[in-house]
N, C-alpha and C. Protein backbone atom coordinates (compact mmCIF):
# COMPACT_ATOMS: atom_id res chain seq x y z
N MET A 1 -82.62 7.23 40.67
CA MET A 1 -83.94 7.49 40.15
C MET A 1 -84.05 6.87 38.76
N PRO A 2 -85.11 6.10 38.50
CA PRO A 2 -85.23 5.46 37.20
C PRO A 2 -85.46 6.47 36.08
N ASN A 3 -85.07 6.05 34.89
CA ASN A 3 -85.30 6.89 33.71
C ASN A 3 -86.80 7.01 33.47
N PRO A 4 -87.27 8.14 32.96
CA PRO A 4 -88.70 8.26 32.67
C PRO A 4 -89.07 7.30 31.54
N LEU A 5 -90.24 6.70 31.65
CA LEU A 5 -90.68 5.75 30.65
C LEU A 5 -90.91 6.41 29.30
N PHE A 6 -91.42 7.62 29.31
CA PHE A 6 -91.68 8.34 28.07
C PHE A 6 -90.52 9.30 27.82
N SER A 7 -89.79 9.03 26.76
CA SER A 7 -88.59 9.79 26.45
C SER A 7 -88.91 11.26 26.17
N THR A 8 -88.04 12.12 26.64
CA THR A 8 -88.17 13.55 26.38
C THR A 8 -87.27 14.00 25.23
N TYR A 9 -86.50 13.06 24.68
CA TYR A 9 -85.62 13.39 23.57
C TYR A 9 -86.42 13.60 22.30
N THR A 10 -85.95 14.51 21.45
CA THR A 10 -86.60 14.73 20.17
C THR A 10 -85.84 14.07 19.03
N GLN A 11 -84.53 13.91 19.18
CA GLN A 11 -83.72 13.28 18.14
C GLN A 11 -84.05 11.78 18.13
N GLY A 12 -84.29 11.21 16.95
CA GLY A 12 -84.77 9.84 16.80
C GLY A 12 -83.98 8.78 17.52
N GLU A 13 -82.66 8.76 17.31
CA GLU A 13 -81.83 7.72 17.93
C GLU A 13 -81.90 7.80 19.45
N ASN A 14 -81.82 9.00 19.99
CA ASN A 14 -81.86 9.16 21.45
C ASN A 14 -83.23 8.77 22.00
N ARG A 15 -84.30 9.12 21.28
CA ARG A 15 -85.65 8.79 21.73
C ARG A 15 -85.85 7.27 21.77
N VAL A 16 -85.41 6.59 20.73
CA VAL A 16 -85.56 5.14 20.65
C VAL A 16 -84.72 4.45 21.73
N THR A 17 -83.46 4.85 21.84
CA THR A 17 -82.59 4.24 22.84
C THR A 17 -83.13 4.47 24.25
N SER A 18 -83.54 5.68 24.53
CA SER A 18 -84.08 6.01 25.85
C SER A 18 -85.31 5.17 26.17
N THR A 19 -86.17 4.95 25.19
CA THR A 19 -87.37 4.16 25.41
C THR A 19 -87.03 2.70 25.68
N VAL A 20 -86.12 2.13 24.90
CA VAL A 20 -85.71 0.75 25.11
C VAL A 20 -85.10 0.58 26.50
N ILE A 21 -84.20 1.48 26.87
CA ILE A 21 -83.54 1.38 28.17
C ILE A 21 -84.54 1.56 29.30
N ALA A 22 -85.48 2.48 29.16
CA ALA A 22 -86.48 2.71 30.20
C ALA A 22 -87.33 1.46 30.43
N VAL A 23 -87.73 0.79 29.35
CA VAL A 23 -88.53 -0.43 29.51
C VAL A 23 -87.68 -1.50 30.20
N LEU A 24 -86.43 -1.68 29.78
CA LEU A 24 -85.57 -2.67 30.43
C LEU A 24 -85.38 -2.36 31.91
N GLU A 25 -85.33 -1.08 32.22
CA GLU A 25 -85.16 -0.67 33.62
C GLU A 25 -86.41 -0.91 34.45
N HIS A 26 -87.58 -0.90 33.81
CA HIS A 26 -88.84 -1.03 34.54
C HIS A 26 -89.37 -2.46 34.60
N VAL A 27 -88.67 -3.42 33.99
CA VAL A 27 -89.04 -4.82 34.15
C VAL A 27 -88.05 -5.45 35.12
N ASN A 28 -88.36 -6.64 35.61
CA ASN A 28 -87.46 -7.26 36.59
C ASN A 28 -86.12 -7.62 35.96
N ASN A 29 -85.10 -7.74 36.80
CA ASN A 29 -83.73 -7.99 36.32
C ASN A 29 -83.63 -9.23 35.46
N GLN A 30 -84.35 -10.31 35.84
CA GLN A 30 -84.25 -11.55 35.08
C GLN A 30 -84.80 -11.38 33.67
N LEU A 31 -85.93 -10.68 33.52
CA LEU A 31 -86.47 -10.42 32.18
C LEU A 31 -85.50 -9.60 31.35
N ALA A 32 -84.94 -8.56 31.94
CA ALA A 32 -83.97 -7.72 31.23
C ALA A 32 -82.77 -8.56 30.80
N GLU A 33 -82.27 -9.40 31.69
CA GLU A 33 -81.15 -10.27 31.35
C GLU A 33 -81.51 -11.22 30.22
N ASP A 34 -82.71 -11.81 30.27
CA ASP A 34 -83.14 -12.74 29.22
C ASP A 34 -83.18 -12.04 27.86
N ILE A 35 -83.71 -10.83 27.83
CA ILE A 35 -83.80 -10.08 26.58
C ILE A 35 -82.41 -9.73 26.07
N LEU A 36 -81.56 -9.25 26.95
CA LEU A 36 -80.21 -8.86 26.55
C LEU A 36 -79.35 -10.08 26.18
N GLU A 37 -79.57 -11.21 26.85
CA GLU A 37 -78.86 -12.44 26.47
C GLU A 37 -79.19 -12.82 25.04
N ALA A 38 -80.47 -12.72 24.68
CA ALA A 38 -80.88 -13.07 23.32
C ALA A 38 -80.26 -12.11 22.30
N LEU A 39 -80.24 -10.82 22.62
CA LEU A 39 -79.67 -9.85 21.68
C LEU A 39 -78.17 -10.01 21.50
N THR A 40 -77.47 -10.30 22.60
CA THR A 40 -76.01 -10.37 22.54
C THR A 40 -75.49 -11.77 22.28
N ASP A 41 -76.39 -12.77 22.27
CA ASP A 41 -76.02 -14.17 22.10
C ASP A 41 -75.06 -14.62 23.19
N GLU A 42 -75.29 -14.13 24.39
CA GLU A 42 -74.53 -14.54 25.57
C GLU A 42 -75.40 -15.51 26.35
N SER A 43 -74.88 -16.66 26.69
CA SER A 43 -75.71 -17.67 27.34
C SER A 43 -75.87 -17.45 28.84
N ASP A 44 -74.96 -16.75 29.46
CA ASP A 44 -75.03 -16.59 30.91
C ASP A 44 -74.72 -15.15 31.31
N LEU A 45 -75.47 -14.23 30.79
CA LEU A 45 -75.28 -12.81 31.08
C LEU A 45 -75.83 -12.52 32.47
N SER A 46 -75.04 -11.86 33.28
CA SER A 46 -75.50 -11.50 34.62
C SER A 46 -75.26 -10.02 34.85
N LEU A 47 -76.34 -9.25 34.86
CA LEU A 47 -76.22 -7.82 35.07
C LEU A 47 -75.89 -7.52 36.52
N VAL A 48 -76.54 -8.23 37.41
CA VAL A 48 -76.32 -8.04 38.84
C VAL A 48 -76.34 -9.41 39.50
N SER A 49 -75.42 -9.65 40.42
CA SER A 49 -75.46 -10.90 41.17
C SER A 49 -75.64 -10.60 42.66
N PHE A 50 -76.42 -11.44 43.29
CA PHE A 50 -76.71 -11.33 44.72
C PHE A 50 -76.16 -12.60 45.37
N ASP A 51 -75.11 -12.46 46.17
CA ASP A 51 -74.45 -13.64 46.75
C ASP A 51 -74.39 -13.53 48.27
N ASN A 52 -74.64 -14.66 48.92
CA ASN A 52 -74.49 -14.75 50.37
C ASN A 52 -73.15 -15.40 50.70
N GLN A 53 -72.59 -15.05 51.85
CA GLN A 53 -71.36 -15.64 52.34
C GLN A 53 -70.27 -15.67 51.26
N VAL A 54 -69.88 -14.49 50.83
CA VAL A 54 -68.89 -14.35 49.77
C VAL A 54 -67.51 -14.63 50.34
N THR A 55 -66.78 -15.50 49.66
CA THR A 55 -65.44 -15.84 50.12
C THR A 55 -64.47 -14.76 49.68
N GLY A 56 -63.83 -14.14 50.66
CA GLY A 56 -62.86 -13.10 50.37
C GLY A 56 -61.46 -13.60 50.64
N VAL A 57 -60.47 -12.74 50.48
CA VAL A 57 -59.09 -13.12 50.72
C VAL A 57 -58.86 -13.34 52.21
N ASP A 58 -59.22 -12.37 53.02
CA ASP A 58 -59.02 -12.47 54.46
C ASP A 58 -60.31 -12.41 55.24
N SER A 59 -61.44 -12.46 54.55
CA SER A 59 -62.71 -12.33 55.25
C SER A 59 -63.82 -13.00 54.46
N VAL A 60 -64.94 -13.18 55.14
CA VAL A 60 -66.13 -13.72 54.49
C VAL A 60 -67.29 -12.80 54.83
N PRO A 61 -67.55 -11.78 53.98
CA PRO A 61 -68.67 -10.91 54.26
C PRO A 61 -69.99 -11.69 54.14
N ASP A 62 -71.00 -11.21 54.83
CA ASP A 62 -72.29 -11.91 54.85
C ASP A 62 -72.96 -11.93 53.49
N ALA A 63 -72.78 -10.90 52.70
CA ALA A 63 -73.42 -10.86 51.39
C ALA A 63 -72.73 -9.81 50.52
N ALA A 64 -72.98 -9.94 49.21
CA ALA A 64 -72.45 -8.94 48.26
C ALA A 64 -73.40 -8.84 47.08
N ILE A 65 -73.56 -7.63 46.60
CA ILE A 65 -74.29 -7.37 45.37
C ILE A 65 -73.27 -6.80 44.40
N LYS A 66 -73.07 -7.48 43.27
CA LYS A 66 -72.01 -7.10 42.36
C LYS A 66 -72.53 -6.98 40.93
N SER A 67 -71.77 -6.22 40.16
CA SER A 67 -72.02 -6.12 38.73
C SER A 67 -70.67 -6.07 38.04
N SER A 68 -70.54 -6.87 37.00
CA SER A 68 -69.27 -6.87 36.28
C SER A 68 -69.51 -6.87 34.78
N THR A 69 -70.59 -6.24 34.36
CA THR A 69 -70.97 -6.21 32.96
C THR A 69 -71.14 -4.76 32.50
N ALA A 70 -70.59 -4.47 31.34
CA ALA A 70 -70.80 -3.15 30.71
C ALA A 70 -71.40 -3.39 29.34
N LEU A 71 -72.65 -2.99 29.18
CA LEU A 71 -73.33 -3.09 27.89
C LEU A 71 -73.57 -1.67 27.39
N TRP A 72 -72.88 -1.30 26.33
CA TRP A 72 -73.04 0.01 25.73
C TRP A 72 -73.86 -0.14 24.46
N PHE A 73 -74.68 0.85 24.16
CA PHE A 73 -75.56 0.81 22.99
C PHE A 73 -75.23 1.93 22.02
N GLU A 74 -75.25 1.59 20.75
CA GLU A 74 -75.24 2.58 19.68
C GLU A 74 -76.44 2.24 18.81
N THR A 75 -77.40 3.13 18.78
CA THR A 75 -78.65 2.90 18.06
C THR A 75 -78.69 3.77 16.81
N LYS A 76 -79.13 3.16 15.72
CA LYS A 76 -79.36 3.89 14.48
C LYS A 76 -80.82 3.70 14.10
N THR A 77 -81.47 4.77 13.70
CA THR A 77 -82.88 4.68 13.30
C THR A 77 -83.05 4.72 11.79
N ASN A 78 -81.96 4.93 11.06
CA ASN A 78 -81.99 4.89 9.60
C ASN A 78 -81.16 3.71 9.13
N ARG A 79 -81.58 3.12 8.03
CA ARG A 79 -80.82 2.01 7.46
C ARG A 79 -79.51 2.53 6.86
N ASP A 80 -78.50 1.68 6.90
CA ASP A 80 -77.18 2.00 6.34
C ASP A 80 -76.58 3.26 6.96
N ALA A 81 -76.76 3.45 8.25
CA ALA A 81 -76.29 4.67 8.91
C ALA A 81 -75.14 4.42 9.89
N VAL A 82 -74.64 3.20 9.97
CA VAL A 82 -73.58 2.89 10.93
C VAL A 82 -72.29 3.57 10.49
N ASP A 83 -71.60 4.18 11.44
CA ASP A 83 -70.36 4.91 11.20
C ASP A 83 -69.22 4.14 11.89
N ARG A 84 -68.31 3.59 11.10
CA ARG A 84 -67.22 2.78 11.64
C ARG A 84 -66.36 3.57 12.63
N ASP A 85 -66.02 4.81 12.31
CA ASP A 85 -65.20 5.62 13.22
C ASP A 85 -65.90 5.80 14.57
N GLN A 86 -67.20 6.01 14.54
CA GLN A 86 -67.96 6.18 15.78
C GLN A 86 -67.88 4.89 16.62
N LEU A 87 -68.03 3.74 15.98
CA LEU A 87 -67.96 2.47 16.71
C LEU A 87 -66.57 2.25 17.30
N GLU A 88 -65.54 2.56 16.52
CA GLU A 88 -64.18 2.39 17.03
C GLU A 88 -63.90 3.32 18.19
N ASN A 89 -64.45 4.54 18.14
CA ASN A 89 -64.31 5.46 19.27
C ASN A 89 -65.02 4.92 20.52
N HIS A 90 -66.20 4.34 20.33
CA HIS A 90 -66.91 3.74 21.47
C HIS A 90 -66.10 2.59 22.07
N LEU A 91 -65.54 1.74 21.21
CA LEU A 91 -64.74 0.61 21.70
C LEU A 91 -63.50 1.09 22.44
N HIS A 92 -62.89 2.15 21.93
CA HIS A 92 -61.72 2.73 22.59
C HIS A 92 -62.11 3.25 23.98
N ALA A 93 -63.25 3.92 24.07
CA ALA A 93 -63.72 4.42 25.37
C ALA A 93 -64.09 3.26 26.30
N LEU A 94 -64.61 2.19 25.73
CA LEU A 94 -64.97 1.01 26.53
C LEU A 94 -63.72 0.37 27.14
N ASP A 95 -62.57 0.57 26.51
CA ASP A 95 -61.30 0.07 27.07
C ASP A 95 -61.06 0.60 28.47
N GLU A 96 -61.59 1.77 28.77
CA GLU A 96 -61.39 2.40 30.09
C GLU A 96 -62.31 1.81 31.16
N ASP A 97 -63.33 1.08 30.74
CA ASP A 97 -64.27 0.48 31.69
C ASP A 97 -63.64 -0.79 32.25
N GLU A 98 -63.79 -1.03 33.55
CA GLU A 98 -63.14 -2.17 34.19
C GLU A 98 -64.04 -3.40 34.28
N ALA A 99 -65.18 -3.39 33.62
CA ALA A 99 -66.10 -4.52 33.68
C ALA A 99 -65.47 -5.76 33.05
N GLU A 100 -65.79 -6.93 33.63
CA GLU A 100 -65.27 -8.18 33.11
C GLU A 100 -65.85 -8.50 31.74
N LEU A 101 -67.15 -8.31 31.56
CA LEU A 101 -67.80 -8.55 30.28
C LEU A 101 -68.17 -7.20 29.67
N GLN A 102 -67.64 -6.94 28.49
CA GLN A 102 -67.91 -5.67 27.79
C GLN A 102 -68.52 -5.97 26.43
N ARG A 103 -69.61 -5.29 26.13
CA ARG A 103 -70.23 -5.43 24.81
C ARG A 103 -70.71 -4.06 24.34
N LEU A 104 -70.50 -3.79 23.06
CA LEU A 104 -71.08 -2.63 22.40
C LEU A 104 -72.17 -3.18 21.49
N ILE A 105 -73.41 -2.93 21.84
CA ILE A 105 -74.55 -3.43 21.08
C ILE A 105 -74.93 -2.37 20.06
N VAL A 106 -74.83 -2.74 18.79
CA VAL A 106 -75.19 -1.84 17.70
C VAL A 106 -76.58 -2.28 17.24
N LEU A 107 -77.56 -1.45 17.51
CA LEU A 107 -78.97 -1.75 17.24
C LEU A 107 -79.43 -0.90 16.06
N THR A 108 -79.80 -1.58 14.95
CA THR A 108 -80.15 -0.86 13.72
C THR A 108 -81.40 -1.47 13.08
N PRO A 109 -82.01 -0.74 12.15
CA PRO A 109 -83.13 -1.31 11.39
C PRO A 109 -82.68 -2.11 10.16
N ASP A 110 -81.37 -2.26 9.96
CA ASP A 110 -80.85 -2.96 8.79
C ASP A 110 -81.28 -4.42 8.80
N VAL A 111 -81.51 -4.97 7.61
CA VAL A 111 -81.93 -6.36 7.48
C VAL A 111 -80.73 -7.30 7.60
N ARG A 112 -79.56 -6.83 7.21
CA ARG A 112 -78.35 -7.66 7.31
C ARG A 112 -77.26 -6.91 8.07
N LEU A 113 -76.28 -7.66 8.52
CA LEU A 113 -75.15 -7.10 9.26
C LEU A 113 -74.48 -6.00 8.45
N PRO A 114 -74.41 -4.79 9.01
CA PRO A 114 -73.73 -3.70 8.28
C PRO A 114 -72.24 -4.00 8.09
N ASP A 115 -71.72 -3.66 6.91
CA ASP A 115 -70.30 -3.89 6.62
C ASP A 115 -69.40 -3.22 7.65
N GLU A 116 -69.79 -2.05 8.12
CA GLU A 116 -68.97 -1.31 9.10
C GLU A 116 -68.79 -2.10 10.39
N VAL A 117 -69.78 -2.87 10.77
CA VAL A 117 -69.68 -3.71 11.97
C VAL A 117 -68.85 -4.95 11.64
N ASP A 118 -69.10 -5.54 10.49
CA ASP A 118 -68.40 -6.76 10.08
C ASP A 118 -66.90 -6.54 9.94
N GLU A 119 -66.50 -5.35 9.52
CA GLU A 119 -65.09 -5.05 9.29
C GLU A 119 -64.28 -4.88 10.57
N ILE A 120 -64.96 -4.64 11.68
CA ILE A 120 -64.25 -4.43 12.96
C ILE A 120 -64.03 -5.78 13.61
N ASP A 121 -62.78 -6.11 13.85
CA ASP A 121 -62.42 -7.39 14.45
C ASP A 121 -62.29 -7.21 15.96
N ASP A 122 -63.44 -7.21 16.63
CA ASP A 122 -63.45 -7.03 18.08
C ASP A 122 -64.64 -7.82 18.63
N GLU A 123 -64.35 -8.79 19.46
CA GLU A 123 -65.41 -9.66 19.99
C GLU A 123 -66.42 -8.91 20.86
N ARG A 124 -66.10 -7.71 21.27
CA ARG A 124 -67.01 -6.95 22.13
C ARG A 124 -68.17 -6.33 21.37
N ILE A 125 -68.08 -6.24 20.05
CA ILE A 125 -69.14 -5.60 19.28
C ILE A 125 -70.18 -6.65 18.86
N VAL A 126 -71.43 -6.30 19.09
CA VAL A 126 -72.55 -7.19 18.77
C VAL A 126 -73.58 -6.38 17.99
N TRP A 127 -74.02 -6.93 16.87
CA TRP A 127 -75.06 -6.26 16.09
C TRP A 127 -76.39 -6.98 16.28
N ALA A 128 -77.43 -6.20 16.40
CA ALA A 128 -78.79 -6.74 16.43
C ALA A 128 -79.68 -5.75 15.69
N ASN A 129 -80.71 -6.27 15.05
CA ASN A 129 -81.64 -5.35 14.43
C ASN A 129 -82.94 -5.33 15.23
N PHE A 130 -83.79 -4.40 14.91
CA PHE A 130 -85.03 -4.23 15.66
C PHE A 130 -85.97 -5.42 15.47
N ASP A 131 -85.85 -6.12 14.32
CA ASP A 131 -86.64 -7.34 14.13
C ASP A 131 -86.28 -8.37 15.20
N SER A 132 -84.98 -8.54 15.46
CA SER A 132 -84.57 -9.52 16.48
C SER A 132 -85.01 -9.08 17.87
N LEU A 133 -85.01 -7.79 18.13
CA LEU A 133 -85.49 -7.29 19.42
C LEU A 133 -86.98 -7.59 19.58
N VAL A 134 -87.76 -7.31 18.55
CA VAL A 134 -89.20 -7.58 18.61
C VAL A 134 -89.45 -9.08 18.75
N ASP A 135 -88.71 -9.91 18.00
CA ASP A 135 -88.85 -11.37 18.13
C ASP A 135 -88.57 -11.82 19.56
N THR A 136 -87.54 -11.25 20.16
CA THR A 136 -87.19 -11.59 21.55
C THR A 136 -88.31 -11.17 22.50
N LEU A 137 -88.83 -9.97 22.30
CA LEU A 137 -89.93 -9.50 23.15
C LEU A 137 -91.14 -10.43 23.03
N GLU A 138 -91.45 -10.84 21.80
CA GLU A 138 -92.59 -11.73 21.59
C GLU A 138 -92.37 -13.10 22.24
N THR A 139 -91.15 -13.60 22.18
CA THR A 139 -90.83 -14.87 22.83
C THR A 139 -91.02 -14.76 24.34
N VAL A 140 -90.56 -13.68 24.92
CA VAL A 140 -90.73 -13.46 26.36
C VAL A 140 -92.21 -13.35 26.71
N LEU A 141 -92.99 -12.68 25.87
CA LEU A 141 -94.42 -12.51 26.12
C LEU A 141 -95.20 -13.81 26.02
N GLU A 142 -94.67 -14.80 25.29
CA GLU A 142 -95.34 -16.09 25.14
C GLU A 142 -95.14 -17.01 26.34
N ARG A 143 -94.27 -16.65 27.25
CA ARG A 143 -94.02 -17.49 28.42
C ARG A 143 -95.25 -17.53 29.32
N ASP A 144 -95.44 -18.68 29.94
CA ASP A 144 -96.46 -18.73 30.98
C ASP A 144 -95.93 -19.56 32.15
N VAL A 145 -96.55 -19.38 33.28
CA VAL A 145 -96.07 -19.98 34.52
C VAL A 145 -96.02 -21.50 34.43
N GLY A 146 -96.95 -22.09 33.72
CA GLY A 146 -97.06 -23.55 33.66
C GLY A 146 -95.90 -24.24 32.98
N ASN A 147 -95.24 -23.58 32.02
CA ASN A 147 -94.19 -24.30 31.30
C ASN A 147 -92.90 -23.49 31.13
N ALA A 148 -92.74 -22.43 31.87
CA ALA A 148 -91.49 -21.66 31.78
C ALA A 148 -90.40 -22.40 32.55
N GLU A 149 -89.22 -22.43 31.99
CA GLU A 149 -88.09 -23.04 32.68
C GLU A 149 -87.78 -22.25 33.94
N ALA A 150 -87.17 -22.92 34.89
CA ALA A 150 -86.87 -22.28 36.16
C ALA A 150 -86.00 -21.04 36.01
N SER A 151 -85.12 -21.03 35.00
CA SER A 151 -84.22 -19.89 34.82
C SER A 151 -84.89 -18.73 34.11
N MET A 152 -86.07 -18.96 33.59
CA MET A 152 -86.75 -17.89 32.85
C MET A 152 -87.81 -17.24 33.70
N SER A 153 -87.90 -15.97 33.57
CA SER A 153 -88.88 -15.20 34.31
C SER A 153 -90.11 -14.95 33.43
N VAL A 154 -91.28 -15.12 34.02
CA VAL A 154 -92.53 -14.85 33.31
C VAL A 154 -92.93 -13.42 33.62
N PRO A 155 -93.23 -12.62 32.60
CA PRO A 155 -93.58 -11.22 32.87
C PRO A 155 -94.91 -11.09 33.61
N THR A 156 -94.94 -10.14 34.52
CA THR A 156 -96.20 -9.80 35.18
C THR A 156 -97.08 -9.08 34.16
N GLU A 157 -98.32 -8.81 34.52
CA GLU A 157 -99.21 -8.09 33.61
C GLU A 157 -98.63 -6.72 33.26
N ARG A 158 -98.09 -6.05 34.24
CA ARG A 158 -97.49 -4.73 34.02
C ARG A 158 -96.30 -4.82 33.09
N GLU A 159 -95.43 -5.81 33.32
CA GLU A 159 -94.25 -5.98 32.47
C GLU A 159 -94.65 -6.37 31.05
N ALA A 160 -95.65 -7.25 30.93
CA ALA A 160 -96.13 -7.64 29.61
C ALA A 160 -96.67 -6.42 28.85
N PHE A 161 -97.39 -5.57 29.56
CA PHE A 161 -97.89 -4.34 28.94
C PHE A 161 -96.73 -3.49 28.43
N LEU A 162 -95.70 -3.30 29.24
CA LEU A 162 -94.55 -2.50 28.84
C LEU A 162 -93.85 -3.10 27.61
N LEU A 163 -93.68 -4.42 27.61
CA LEU A 163 -93.02 -5.07 26.49
C LEU A 163 -93.85 -4.98 25.21
N ARG A 164 -95.17 -5.13 25.32
CA ARG A 164 -96.04 -4.98 24.14
C ARG A 164 -95.99 -3.55 23.61
N GLU A 165 -96.00 -2.59 24.52
CA GLU A 165 -95.94 -1.19 24.10
C GLU A 165 -94.60 -0.86 23.46
N LEU A 166 -93.51 -1.47 23.95
CA LEU A 166 -92.20 -1.26 23.32
C LEU A 166 -92.23 -1.82 21.89
N SER A 167 -92.78 -3.00 21.71
CA SER A 167 -92.91 -3.57 20.36
C SER A 167 -93.72 -2.65 19.46
N ARG A 168 -94.85 -2.17 19.96
CA ARG A 168 -95.69 -1.26 19.18
C ARG A 168 -94.93 0.01 18.82
N PHE A 169 -94.18 0.55 19.78
CA PHE A 169 -93.37 1.75 19.55
C PHE A 169 -92.38 1.51 18.41
N LEU A 170 -91.70 0.36 18.42
CA LEU A 170 -90.71 0.07 17.38
C LEU A 170 -91.37 -0.06 16.01
N TYR A 171 -92.57 -0.64 15.97
CA TYR A 171 -93.32 -0.69 14.70
C TYR A 171 -93.72 0.72 14.26
N ASP A 172 -94.25 1.51 15.20
CA ASP A 172 -94.70 2.86 14.87
C ASP A 172 -93.55 3.74 14.38
N GLU A 173 -92.35 3.49 14.88
CA GLU A 173 -91.17 4.25 14.45
C GLU A 173 -90.61 3.73 13.13
N ASP A 174 -91.23 2.71 12.56
CA ASP A 174 -90.81 2.11 11.29
C ASP A 174 -89.38 1.57 11.35
N LEU A 175 -89.07 0.87 12.46
CA LEU A 175 -87.74 0.34 12.67
C LEU A 175 -87.62 -1.16 12.38
N VAL A 176 -88.76 -1.81 12.16
CA VAL A 176 -88.75 -3.23 11.84
C VAL A 176 -89.00 -3.40 10.35
N SER A 177 -88.75 -4.60 9.85
CA SER A 177 -88.81 -4.82 8.40
C SER A 177 -90.22 -4.79 7.85
N GLY A 178 -91.21 -4.75 8.70
CA GLY A 178 -92.58 -4.69 8.23
C GLY A 178 -93.28 -6.02 8.30
N LYS A 179 -92.55 -7.08 8.70
CA LYS A 179 -93.21 -8.38 8.82
C LYS A 179 -94.17 -8.33 9.99
N GLU A 180 -95.26 -9.05 9.86
CA GLU A 180 -96.28 -9.04 10.93
C GLU A 180 -95.85 -9.95 12.06
């Protein structure tokens, strides 16, 4: 069952994270991948793959749907609020996940990379701020069918509405730097 679009959480970080995840869940997989690729700076992120005639060791099944990506989020709604111990605990827990690609996305309103993130020497940790998320959403919203690359998905009217509302929500929550 999909997450509700309107978060029921009252705590700021949980409400924001829940809203972002709900929108990503309610848009098509390619749009979600495009947005997450931009945030994580991964060029070929694949949340789910759909393959026909999969070559196995002793068999060739007709098809397979697979996922080998673990994207964990730690969201902060206040500037300078990143806790290094919390991030290290998340990374330690991520060690138990068997996904091939693992990332801990630290999403904050900070204008620059927090020192706590910079000090951790682990390629799995990725920092993004809400400005970069809004910029990514706006880039996706500017796509049109006439000139979008084949690998890029153009949002439907419903998806465009959700992405615009997510941007508005992030502005209303005062999570972006205030640039128009």
